[in-house]
Amino acid sequence: MAKKKIDKRILLEVTGLTKRFGTLSALRSIDFQLLTGEVIGVTGQSGSGKSTLAMLLAGIYPPDEGSITFKNHQIHWPENFRSLGIEVVHQTLALQKIST
């Protein structure tokens, strides 16, 4: 098997990421790369798996299948993702002080 050439520009690589909750497949075989300096957005309908993806990338949920590689280092759950500089910024109104 040929060695995979490492592209130093790849910051985050997700391969085959899958998460199930019982019989529900929240994410099935997600693949993508994030390059250094790149900004991406994730959109979709309610229940499409956006929050599940964020929780997997932050190490809050363990993946059922697949791999997450950050700065050429494959992350194994429950490694401390926060120590690698990976964090989730929640978009939940309950976390904000609501004033009238």
N, C-alpha and C. Protein backbone atom coordinates (compact mmCIF):
# COMPACT_ATOMS: atom_id res chain seq x y z
N MET A 1 0.85 -1.17 0.00
CA MET A 1 0.00 0.00 0.00
C MET A 1 0.89 1.24 0.00
N ALA A 2 0.60 2.18 -0.88
CA ALA A 2 1.38 3.41 -0.99
C ALA A 2 1.10 4.31 0.21
N LYS A 3 2.15 5.01 0.64
CA LYS A 3 1.98 5.95 1.74
C LYS A 3 1.17 7.16 1.27
N LYS A 4 0.31 7.65 2.14
CA LYS A 4 -0.49 8.82 1.82
C LYS A 4 0.40 10.05 1.97
N LYS A 5 0.42 10.89 0.93
CA LYS A 5 1.19 12.12 0.97
C LYS A 5 0.51 13.10 1.91
N ILE A 6 1.26 13.67 2.83
CA ILE A 6 0.70 14.61 3.80
C ILE A 6 0.72 16.01 3.22
N ASP A 7 -0.45 16.62 3.14
CA ASP A 7 -0.58 18.00 2.72
C ASP A 7 -0.58 18.84 3.98
N LYS A 8 0.47 19.62 4.20
CA LYS A 8 0.58 20.41 5.42
C LYS A 8 -0.46 21.52 5.49
N ARG A 9 -1.16 21.76 4.41
CA ARG A 9 -2.20 22.78 4.41
C ARG A 9 -3.50 22.25 5.01
N ILE A 10 -3.66 20.95 5.13
CA ILE A 10 -4.89 20.39 5.70
C ILE A 10 -4.83 20.54 7.22
N LEU A 11 -5.78 21.29 7.76
CA LEU A 11 -5.85 21.51 9.20
C LEU A 11 -6.68 20.41 9.86
N LEU A 12 -7.83 20.10 9.25
CA LEU A 12 -8.77 19.13 9.82
C LEU A 12 -9.26 18.23 8.70
N GLU A 13 -9.21 16.92 8.93
CA GLU A 13 -9.72 15.97 7.95
C GLU A 13 -10.64 14.99 8.65
N VAL A 14 -11.84 14.86 8.11
CA VAL A 14 -12.85 13.96 8.65
C VAL A 14 -13.11 12.90 7.59
N THR A 15 -13.03 11.63 7.99
CA THR A 15 -13.21 10.53 7.04
C THR A 15 -14.17 9.50 7.61
N GLY A 16 -15.26 9.25 6.89
CA GLY A 16 -16.20 8.19 7.26
C GLY A 16 -16.89 8.38 8.59
N LEU A 17 -17.02 9.62 9.05
CA LEU A 17 -17.57 9.89 10.38
C LEU A 17 -19.05 9.49 10.43
N THR A 18 -19.36 8.63 11.39
CA THR A 18 -20.71 8.09 11.54
C THR A 18 -21.10 8.14 13.02
N LYS A 19 -22.34 8.54 13.28
CA LYS A 19 -22.85 8.54 14.65
C LYS A 19 -24.29 8.04 14.64
N ARG A 20 -24.55 7.08 15.52
CA ARG A 20 -25.90 6.52 15.69
C ARG A 20 -26.36 6.73 17.12
N PHE A 21 -27.65 6.95 17.26
CA PHE A 21 -28.30 6.99 18.57
C PHE A 21 -29.36 5.91 18.53
N GLY A 22 -29.04 4.75 19.07
CA GLY A 22 -29.94 3.60 18.95
C GLY A 22 -30.05 3.19 17.50
N THR A 23 -31.26 3.16 16.97
CA THR A 23 -31.46 2.77 15.57
C THR A 23 -31.42 3.97 14.62
N LEU A 24 -31.32 5.19 15.16
CA LEU A 24 -31.27 6.41 14.35
C LEU A 24 -29.84 6.70 13.92
N SER A 25 -29.63 6.82 12.62
CA SER A 25 -28.32 7.24 12.10
C SER A 25 -28.33 8.76 11.97
N ALA A 26 -27.66 9.43 12.91
CA ALA A 26 -27.63 10.90 12.88
C ALA A 26 -26.68 11.40 11.80
N LEU A 27 -25.56 10.73 11.62
CA LEU A 27 -24.59 11.05 10.56
C LEU A 27 -24.10 9.75 9.95
N ARG A 28 -23.98 9.73 8.63
CA ARG A 28 -23.51 8.52 7.94
C ARG A 28 -22.35 8.84 7.02
N SER A 29 -21.20 8.37 7.37
CA SER A 29 -20.01 8.43 6.52
C SER A 29 -19.71 9.83 5.97
N ILE A 30 -19.51 10.78 6.89
CA ILE A 30 -19.21 12.17 6.52
C ILE A 30 -17.72 12.29 6.22
N ASP A 31 -17.39 12.91 5.09
CA ASP A 31 -16.01 13.18 4.69
C ASP A 31 -15.86 14.65 4.34
N PHE A 32 -14.83 15.30 4.88
CA PHE A 32 -14.48 16.65 4.42
C PHE A 32 -13.10 17.02 4.95
N GLN A 33 -12.54 18.05 4.34
CA GLN A 33 -11.26 18.61 4.78
C GLN A 33 -11.44 20.11 5.00
N LEU A 34 -10.74 20.62 5.99
CA LEU A 34 -10.69 22.05 6.26
C LEU A 34 -9.23 22.46 6.14
N LEU A 35 -8.96 23.40 5.24
CA LEU A 35 -7.59 23.85 5.02
C LEU A 35 -7.23 24.98 5.96
N THR A 36 -5.95 25.14 6.24
CA THR A 36 -5.47 26.22 7.08
C THR A 36 -5.96 27.56 6.53
N GLY A 37 -6.55 28.38 7.40
CA GLY A 37 -7.04 29.69 7.01
C GLY A 37 -8.43 29.68 6.39
N GLU A 38 -9.01 28.53 6.19
CA GLU A 38 -10.32 28.42 5.58
C GLU A 38 -11.41 28.52 6.64
N VAL A 39 -12.52 29.13 6.28
CA VAL A 39 -13.69 29.22 7.16
C VAL A 39 -14.84 28.55 6.42
N ILE A 40 -15.55 27.66 7.12
CA ILE A 40 -16.69 26.99 6.50
C ILE A 40 -17.92 27.17 7.39
N GLY A 41 -19.07 27.01 6.80
CA GLY A 41 -20.32 27.03 7.54
C GLY A 41 -21.07 25.74 7.28
N VAL A 42 -21.84 25.33 8.26
CA VAL A 42 -22.64 24.11 8.12
C VAL A 42 -24.10 24.53 8.26
N THR A 43 -24.88 24.23 7.23
CA THR A 43 -26.30 24.58 7.26
C THR A 43 -27.13 23.33 6.99
N GLY A 44 -28.38 23.40 7.36
CA GLY A 44 -29.29 22.29 7.10
C GLY A 44 -30.55 22.43 7.91
N GLN A 45 -31.52 21.63 7.57
CA GLN A 45 -32.79 21.65 8.28
C GLN A 45 -32.61 21.13 9.70
N SER A 46 -33.57 21.42 10.53
CA SER A 46 -33.59 20.91 11.88
C SER A 46 -33.55 19.38 11.84
N GLY A 47 -32.69 18.80 12.63
CA GLY A 47 -32.57 17.34 12.67
C GLY A 47 -31.65 16.76 11.62
N SER A 48 -30.93 17.62 10.90
CA SER A 48 -30.06 17.11 9.81
C SER A 48 -28.68 16.68 10.29
N GLY A 49 -28.34 16.92 11.56
CA GLY A 49 -27.07 16.44 12.10
C GLY A 49 -26.01 17.50 12.33
N LYS A 50 -26.36 18.77 12.19
CA LYS A 50 -25.38 19.85 12.38
C LYS A 50 -24.80 19.83 13.79
N SER A 51 -25.65 19.80 14.78
CA SER A 51 -25.18 19.80 16.17
C SER A 51 -24.42 18.53 16.50
N THR A 52 -24.86 17.41 15.96
CA THR A 52 -24.16 16.14 16.19
C THR A 52 -22.75 16.22 15.62
N LEU A 53 -22.60 16.78 14.43
CA LEU A 53 -21.28 16.96 13.83
C LEU A 53 -20.40 17.83 14.72
N ALA A 54 -20.94 18.95 15.20
CA ALA A 54 -20.17 19.83 16.09
C ALA A 54 -19.75 19.10 17.36
N MET A 55 -20.65 18.32 17.94
CA MET A 55 -20.33 17.59 19.17
C MET A 55 -19.26 16.52 18.93
N LEU A 56 -19.28 15.89 17.77
CA LEU A 56 -18.25 14.92 17.42
C LEU A 56 -16.90 15.61 17.25
N LEU A 57 -16.90 16.75 16.55
CA LEU A 57 -15.65 17.46 16.29
C LEU A 57 -15.04 18.05 17.56
N ALA A 58 -15.87 18.30 18.57
CA ALA A 58 -15.39 18.83 19.84
C ALA A 58 -15.09 17.73 20.86
N GLY A 59 -15.33 16.48 20.50
CA GLY A 59 -15.04 15.38 21.42
C GLY A 59 -16.09 15.15 22.47
N ILE A 60 -17.25 15.77 22.32
CA ILE A 60 -18.32 15.60 23.30
C ILE A 60 -19.01 14.26 23.10
N TYR A 61 -19.22 13.87 21.85
CA TYR A 61 -19.75 12.55 21.52
C TYR A 61 -18.63 11.73 20.89
N PRO A 62 -18.58 10.42 21.18
CA PRO A 62 -17.64 9.56 20.47
C PRO A 62 -18.23 9.12 19.14
N PRO A 63 -17.43 9.05 18.09
CA PRO A 63 -17.97 8.54 16.82
C PRO A 63 -18.16 7.03 16.89
N ASP A 64 -19.14 6.53 16.15
CA ASP A 64 -19.31 5.08 16.03
C ASP A 64 -18.36 4.51 14.98
N GLU A 65 -18.07 5.31 13.97
CA GLU A 65 -17.14 4.92 12.91
C GLU A 65 -16.45 6.17 12.41
N GLY A 66 -15.32 5.98 11.73
CA GLY A 66 -14.64 7.07 11.07
C GLY A 66 -13.50 7.63 11.88
N SER A 67 -12.85 8.64 11.31
CA SER A 67 -11.69 9.24 11.97
C SER A 67 -11.71 10.75 11.82
N ILE A 68 -11.07 11.40 12.81
CA ILE A 68 -10.88 12.85 12.81
C ILE A 68 -9.38 13.08 12.95
N THR A 69 -8.81 13.79 12.00
CA THR A 69 -7.38 14.10 12.02
C THR A 69 -7.23 15.61 12.10
N PHE A 70 -6.47 16.08 13.09
CA PHE A 70 -6.26 17.50 13.31
C PHE A 70 -4.77 17.77 13.33
N LYS A 71 -4.30 18.63 12.43
CA LYS A 71 -2.88 18.95 12.31
C LYS A 71 -2.04 17.68 12.17
N ASN A 72 -2.47 16.79 11.30
CA ASN A 72 -1.79 15.51 11.01
C ASN A 72 -1.73 14.57 12.21
N HIS A 73 -2.60 14.76 13.19
CA HIS A 73 -2.67 13.91 14.39
C HIS A 73 -4.07 13.30 14.46
N GLN A 74 -4.15 11.98 14.33
CA GLN A 74 -5.46 11.34 14.43
C GLN A 74 -5.91 11.38 15.88
N ILE A 75 -7.11 11.92 16.09
CA ILE A 75 -7.65 12.09 17.43
C ILE A 75 -8.44 10.84 17.81
N HIS A 76 -8.17 10.34 19.00
CA HIS A 76 -8.88 9.17 19.51
C HIS A 76 -9.68 9.58 20.73
N TRP A 77 -11.00 9.36 20.67
CA TRP A 77 -11.88 9.72 21.78
C TRP A 77 -11.55 8.85 22.98
N PRO A 78 -11.50 9.32 24.18
CA PRO A 78 -11.90 10.62 24.70
C PRO A 78 -10.74 11.59 24.89
N GLU A 79 -9.84 11.68 23.94
CA GLU A 79 -8.75 12.64 24.01
C GLU A 79 -9.31 14.03 24.30
N ASN A 80 -8.52 14.85 24.96
CA ASN A 80 -8.98 16.18 25.32
C ASN A 80 -8.91 17.11 24.11
N PHE A 81 -10.02 17.24 23.38
CA PHE A 81 -10.07 18.06 22.18
C PHE A 81 -9.79 19.52 22.50
N ARG A 82 -10.25 19.98 23.67
CA ARG A 82 -10.05 21.38 24.07
C ARG A 82 -8.56 21.71 24.15
N SER A 83 -7.75 20.78 24.63
CA SER A 83 -6.31 21.03 24.72
C SER A 83 -5.67 21.18 23.34
N LEU A 84 -6.35 20.70 22.31
CA LEU A 84 -5.87 20.85 20.93
C LEU A 84 -6.36 22.16 20.31
N GLY A 85 -7.19 22.90 21.05
CA GLY A 85 -7.72 24.16 20.53
C GLY A 85 -9.04 24.00 19.82
N ILE A 86 -9.72 22.86 20.02
CA ILE A 86 -11.00 22.60 19.37
C ILE A 86 -12.11 22.85 20.40
N GLU A 87 -13.06 23.69 20.04
CA GLU A 87 -14.13 24.07 20.96
C GLU A 87 -15.41 24.30 20.17
N VAL A 88 -16.53 24.18 20.84
CA VAL A 88 -17.84 24.46 20.22
C VAL A 88 -18.35 25.78 20.77
N VAL A 89 -18.83 26.63 19.88
CA VAL A 89 -19.52 27.85 20.28
C VAL A 89 -21.00 27.57 20.08
N HIS A 90 -21.72 27.46 21.19
CA HIS A 90 -23.13 27.07 21.13
C HIS A 90 -24.01 28.24 20.68
N GLN A 91 -25.04 27.92 19.94
CA GLN A 91 -26.01 28.90 19.49
C GLN A 91 -27.34 28.58 20.15
N THR A 92 -27.35 28.65 21.46
CA THR A 92 -28.55 28.32 22.22
C THR A 92 -28.98 29.55 23.02
N LEU A 93 -30.21 29.97 22.81
CA LEU A 93 -30.68 31.15 23.52
C LEU A 93 -30.63 30.97 25.02
N ALA A 94 -30.75 29.75 25.49
CA ALA A 94 -30.73 29.50 26.93
C ALA A 94 -29.38 29.87 27.54
N LEU A 95 -28.33 29.94 26.73
CA LEU A 95 -27.00 30.30 27.23
C LEU A 95 -26.80 31.81 27.29
N GLN A 96 -27.71 32.57 26.72
CA GLN A 96 -27.59 34.02 26.67
C GLN A 96 -28.52 34.65 27.70
N LYS A 97 -28.05 35.75 28.26
CA LYS A 97 -28.91 36.52 29.17
C LYS A 97 -29.87 37.30 28.31
N ILE A 98 -31.15 37.07 28.49
CA ILE A 98 -32.17 37.75 27.70
C ILE A 98 -32.70 38.93 28.51
N SER A 99 -32.59 40.11 27.90
CA SER A 99 -33.11 41.30 28.58
C SER A 99 -34.20 41.93 27.72
N THR A 100 -35.11 42.61 28.35
CA THR A 100 -36.21 43.23 27.61
C THR A 100 -36.04 44.74 27.60
